[in-house]
Amino acid sequence: MRPRVEEVRIQGLGVIDEAVLVLSPGFTVVTGETGAGKTMVVTGLGLLFGGRADPARVRPGSDKATIEGT
């Protein structure tokens, strides 16, 4: 059985200062304008599941990036 992510909180990652993504069961699509932060949302999900962090992705002016999920 795969783990189910219900909510992702992202702070200080790329263009995202602070965001909360609430996910429902089934198919989820991430859409938006260029520069809206879609790549950072996918990057955050990768980090949540153990991906390697890149310090260059920390938002300029932030001390750190934080990814939390339930």
N, C-alpha and C. Protein backbone atom coordinates (compact mmCIF):
# COMPACT_ATOMS: atom_id res chain seq x y z
N MET A 1 0.83 -1.18 0.00
CA MET A 1 0.00 0.00 0.00
C MET A 1 0.88 1.25 0.00
N ARG A 2 0.59 2.19 -0.87
CA ARG A 2 1.35 3.44 -0.95
C ARG A 2 0.90 4.41 0.13
N PRO A 3 1.85 5.20 0.65
CA PRO A 3 1.45 6.22 1.62
C PRO A 3 0.57 7.27 0.94
N ARG A 4 -0.39 7.79 1.68
CA ARG A 4 -1.29 8.79 1.13
C ARG A 4 -0.95 10.14 1.74
N VAL A 5 -0.69 11.11 0.91
CA VAL A 5 -0.40 12.47 1.37
C VAL A 5 -1.71 13.25 1.35
N GLU A 6 -2.06 13.84 2.48
CA GLU A 6 -3.29 14.62 2.57
C GLU A 6 -3.04 16.12 2.48
N GLU A 7 -1.89 16.55 3.01
CA GLU A 7 -1.59 17.98 3.02
C GLU A 7 -0.08 18.18 2.96
N VAL A 8 0.34 19.19 2.22
CA VAL A 8 1.75 19.54 2.13
C VAL A 8 1.88 21.02 2.46
N ARG A 9 2.79 21.35 3.36
CA ARG A 9 3.09 22.74 3.71
C ARG A 9 4.50 23.05 3.24
N ILE A 10 4.62 24.12 2.47
CA ILE A 10 5.92 24.52 1.90
C ILE A 10 6.21 25.94 2.36
N GLN A 11 7.42 26.15 2.87
CA GLN A 11 7.86 27.49 3.27
C GLN A 11 9.27 27.73 2.76
N GLY A 12 9.47 28.88 2.13
CA GLY A 12 10.81 29.31 1.74
C GLY A 12 11.45 28.50 0.64
N LEU A 13 10.67 27.95 -0.28
CA LEU A 13 11.22 27.13 -1.36
C LEU A 13 10.98 27.83 -2.70
N GLY A 14 12.07 28.25 -3.35
CA GLY A 14 11.95 28.91 -4.65
C GLY A 14 11.08 30.15 -4.58
N VAL A 15 10.08 30.24 -5.46
CA VAL A 15 9.20 31.40 -5.48
C VAL A 15 8.13 31.34 -4.38
N ILE A 16 8.05 30.22 -3.66
CA ILE A 16 7.01 30.05 -2.65
C ILE A 16 7.50 30.56 -1.30
N ASP A 17 6.83 31.59 -0.80
CA ASP A 17 7.10 32.08 0.55
C ASP A 17 6.44 31.13 1.54
N GLU A 18 5.13 30.90 1.35
CA GLU A 18 4.39 29.97 2.19
C GLU A 18 3.18 29.48 1.41
N ALA A 19 2.97 28.16 1.40
CA ALA A 19 1.83 27.59 0.70
C ALA A 19 1.38 26.31 1.39
N VAL A 20 0.08 26.04 1.30
CA VAL A 20 -0.50 24.80 1.81
C VAL A 20 -1.26 24.16 0.66
N LEU A 21 -0.94 22.91 0.38
CA LEU A 21 -1.59 22.16 -0.69
C LEU A 21 -2.38 21.03 -0.03
N VAL A 22 -3.70 21.08 -0.16
CA VAL A 22 -4.57 20.05 0.40
C VAL A 22 -4.94 19.10 -0.73
N LEU A 23 -4.62 17.83 -0.54
CA LEU A 23 -4.86 16.82 -1.58
C LEU A 23 -6.03 15.92 -1.18
N SER A 24 -6.78 15.50 -2.19
CA SER A 24 -7.91 14.58 -1.99
C SER A 24 -7.56 13.25 -2.63
N PRO A 25 -8.26 12.19 -2.27
CA PRO A 25 -8.03 10.90 -2.92
C PRO A 25 -8.32 11.01 -4.41
N GLY A 26 -7.56 10.26 -5.20
CA GLY A 26 -7.79 10.26 -6.64
C GLY A 26 -6.72 11.04 -7.37
N PHE A 27 -7.08 11.51 -8.54
CA PHE A 27 -6.16 12.18 -9.45
C PHE A 27 -6.05 13.66 -9.10
N THR A 28 -4.83 14.14 -8.91
CA THR A 28 -4.60 15.56 -8.61
C THR A 28 -3.73 16.15 -9.71
N VAL A 29 -4.12 17.32 -10.20
CA VAL A 29 -3.38 18.02 -11.24
C VAL A 29 -2.91 19.35 -10.67
N VAL A 30 -1.66 19.70 -10.92
CA VAL A 30 -1.11 20.99 -10.51
C VAL A 30 -0.97 21.84 -11.76
N THR A 31 -1.74 22.93 -11.81
CA THR A 31 -1.71 23.82 -12.97
C THR A 31 -1.49 25.25 -12.51
N GLY A 32 -1.12 26.12 -13.42
CA GLY A 32 -0.96 27.52 -13.08
C GLY A 32 -0.13 28.25 -14.10
N GLU A 33 -0.03 29.54 -13.92
CA GLU A 33 0.73 30.41 -14.80
C GLU A 33 2.23 30.13 -14.68
N THR A 34 2.97 30.56 -15.67
CA THR A 34 4.42 30.47 -15.63
C THR A 34 4.92 31.27 -14.43
N GLY A 35 5.79 30.66 -13.65
CA GLY A 35 6.36 31.33 -12.49
C GLY A 35 5.51 31.25 -11.23
N ALA A 36 4.42 30.47 -11.28
CA ALA A 36 3.52 30.38 -10.14
C ALA A 36 4.03 29.46 -9.04
N GLY A 37 5.00 28.59 -9.35
CA GLY A 37 5.57 27.71 -8.34
C GLY A 37 5.24 26.24 -8.49
N LYS A 38 4.73 25.84 -9.66
CA LYS A 38 4.40 24.42 -9.88
C LYS A 38 5.62 23.53 -9.68
N THR A 39 6.75 23.93 -10.21
CA THR A 39 7.97 23.14 -10.07
C THR A 39 8.37 23.03 -8.61
N MET A 40 8.17 24.09 -7.84
CA MET A 40 8.53 24.04 -6.42
C MET A 40 7.58 23.13 -5.65
N VAL A 41 6.32 23.05 -6.07
CA VAL A 41 5.38 22.11 -5.43
C VAL A 41 5.85 20.68 -5.68
N VAL A 42 6.21 20.38 -6.92
CA VAL A 42 6.70 19.03 -7.25
C VAL A 42 8.02 18.76 -6.55
N THR A 43 8.89 19.77 -6.49
CA THR A 43 10.16 19.63 -5.76
C THR A 43 9.89 19.34 -4.28
N GLY A 44 8.93 20.05 -3.71
CA GLY A 44 8.56 19.82 -2.31
C GLY A 44 8.07 18.41 -2.07
N LEU A 45 7.26 17.89 -2.99
CA LEU A 45 6.79 16.50 -2.86
C LEU A 45 7.97 15.53 -2.93
N GLY A 46 8.91 15.80 -3.82
CA GLY A 46 10.10 14.95 -3.91
C GLY A 46 10.90 14.96 -2.62
N LEU A 47 11.05 16.13 -2.03
CA LEU A 47 11.77 16.24 -0.76
C LEU A 47 11.03 15.52 0.36
N LEU A 48 9.72 15.64 0.35
CA LEU A 48 8.90 14.97 1.36
C LEU A 48 9.11 13.46 1.34
N PHE A 49 9.34 12.92 0.15
CA PHE A 49 9.54 11.48 0.01
C PHE A 49 11.01 11.07 -0.01
N GLY A 50 11.88 11.97 0.47
CA GLY A 50 13.28 11.59 0.66
C GLY A 50 14.25 12.03 -0.41
N GLY A 51 13.82 12.91 -1.31
CA GLY A 51 14.72 13.40 -2.35
C GLY A 51 15.84 14.24 -1.78
N ARG A 52 16.87 14.42 -2.57
CA ARG A 52 18.04 15.19 -2.14
C ARG A 52 17.75 16.68 -2.22
N ALA A 53 18.05 17.40 -1.15
CA ALA A 53 17.82 18.84 -1.09
C ALA A 53 18.94 19.59 -1.80
N ASP A 54 18.58 20.69 -2.45
CA ASP A 54 19.53 21.57 -3.12
C ASP A 54 19.44 22.94 -2.46
N PRO A 55 20.50 23.37 -1.76
CA PRO A 55 20.46 24.66 -1.06
C PRO A 55 20.14 25.84 -1.99
N ALA A 56 20.41 25.70 -3.27
CA ALA A 56 20.11 26.77 -4.22
C ALA A 56 18.61 27.01 -4.38
N ARG A 57 17.79 26.06 -3.94
CA ARG A 57 16.33 26.18 -4.06
C ARG A 57 15.70 26.97 -2.91
N VAL A 58 16.49 27.31 -1.88
CA VAL A 58 15.95 28.11 -0.77
C VAL A 58 15.62 29.50 -1.29
N ARG A 59 14.44 29.98 -0.94
CA ARG A 59 13.96 31.28 -1.39
C ARG A 59 14.94 32.38 -0.98
N PRO A 60 15.30 33.27 -1.90
CA PRO A 60 16.18 34.38 -1.54
C PRO A 60 15.59 35.18 -0.38
N GLY A 61 16.41 35.45 0.62
CA GLY A 61 15.96 36.17 1.80
C GLY A 61 15.50 35.26 2.93
N SER A 62 15.35 33.96 2.64
CA SER A 62 14.97 32.99 3.68
C SER A 62 16.20 32.29 4.20
N ASP A 63 16.17 31.95 5.48
CA ASP A 63 17.28 31.21 6.09
C ASP A 63 17.24 29.74 5.73
N LYS A 64 16.01 29.23 5.50
CA LYS A 64 15.84 27.81 5.22
C LYS A 64 14.53 27.58 4.49
N ALA A 65 14.41 26.39 3.93
CA ALA A 65 13.16 25.93 3.34
C ALA A 65 12.62 24.81 4.21
N THR A 66 11.31 24.76 4.37
CA THR A 66 10.68 23.73 5.18
C THR A 66 9.56 23.06 4.39
N ILE A 67 9.57 21.74 4.38
CA ILE A 67 8.51 20.96 3.74
C ILE A 67 7.94 20.02 4.80
N GLU A 68 6.63 20.08 5.00
CA GLU A 68 5.97 19.20 5.97
C GLU A 68 4.78 18.56 5.29
N GLY A 69 4.49 17.34 5.67
CA GLY A 69 3.34 16.67 5.09
C GLY A 69 2.64 15.76 6.08
N THR A 70 1.35 15.59 5.86
CA THR A 70 0.58 14.64 6.64
C THR A 70 -0.11 13.69 5.69
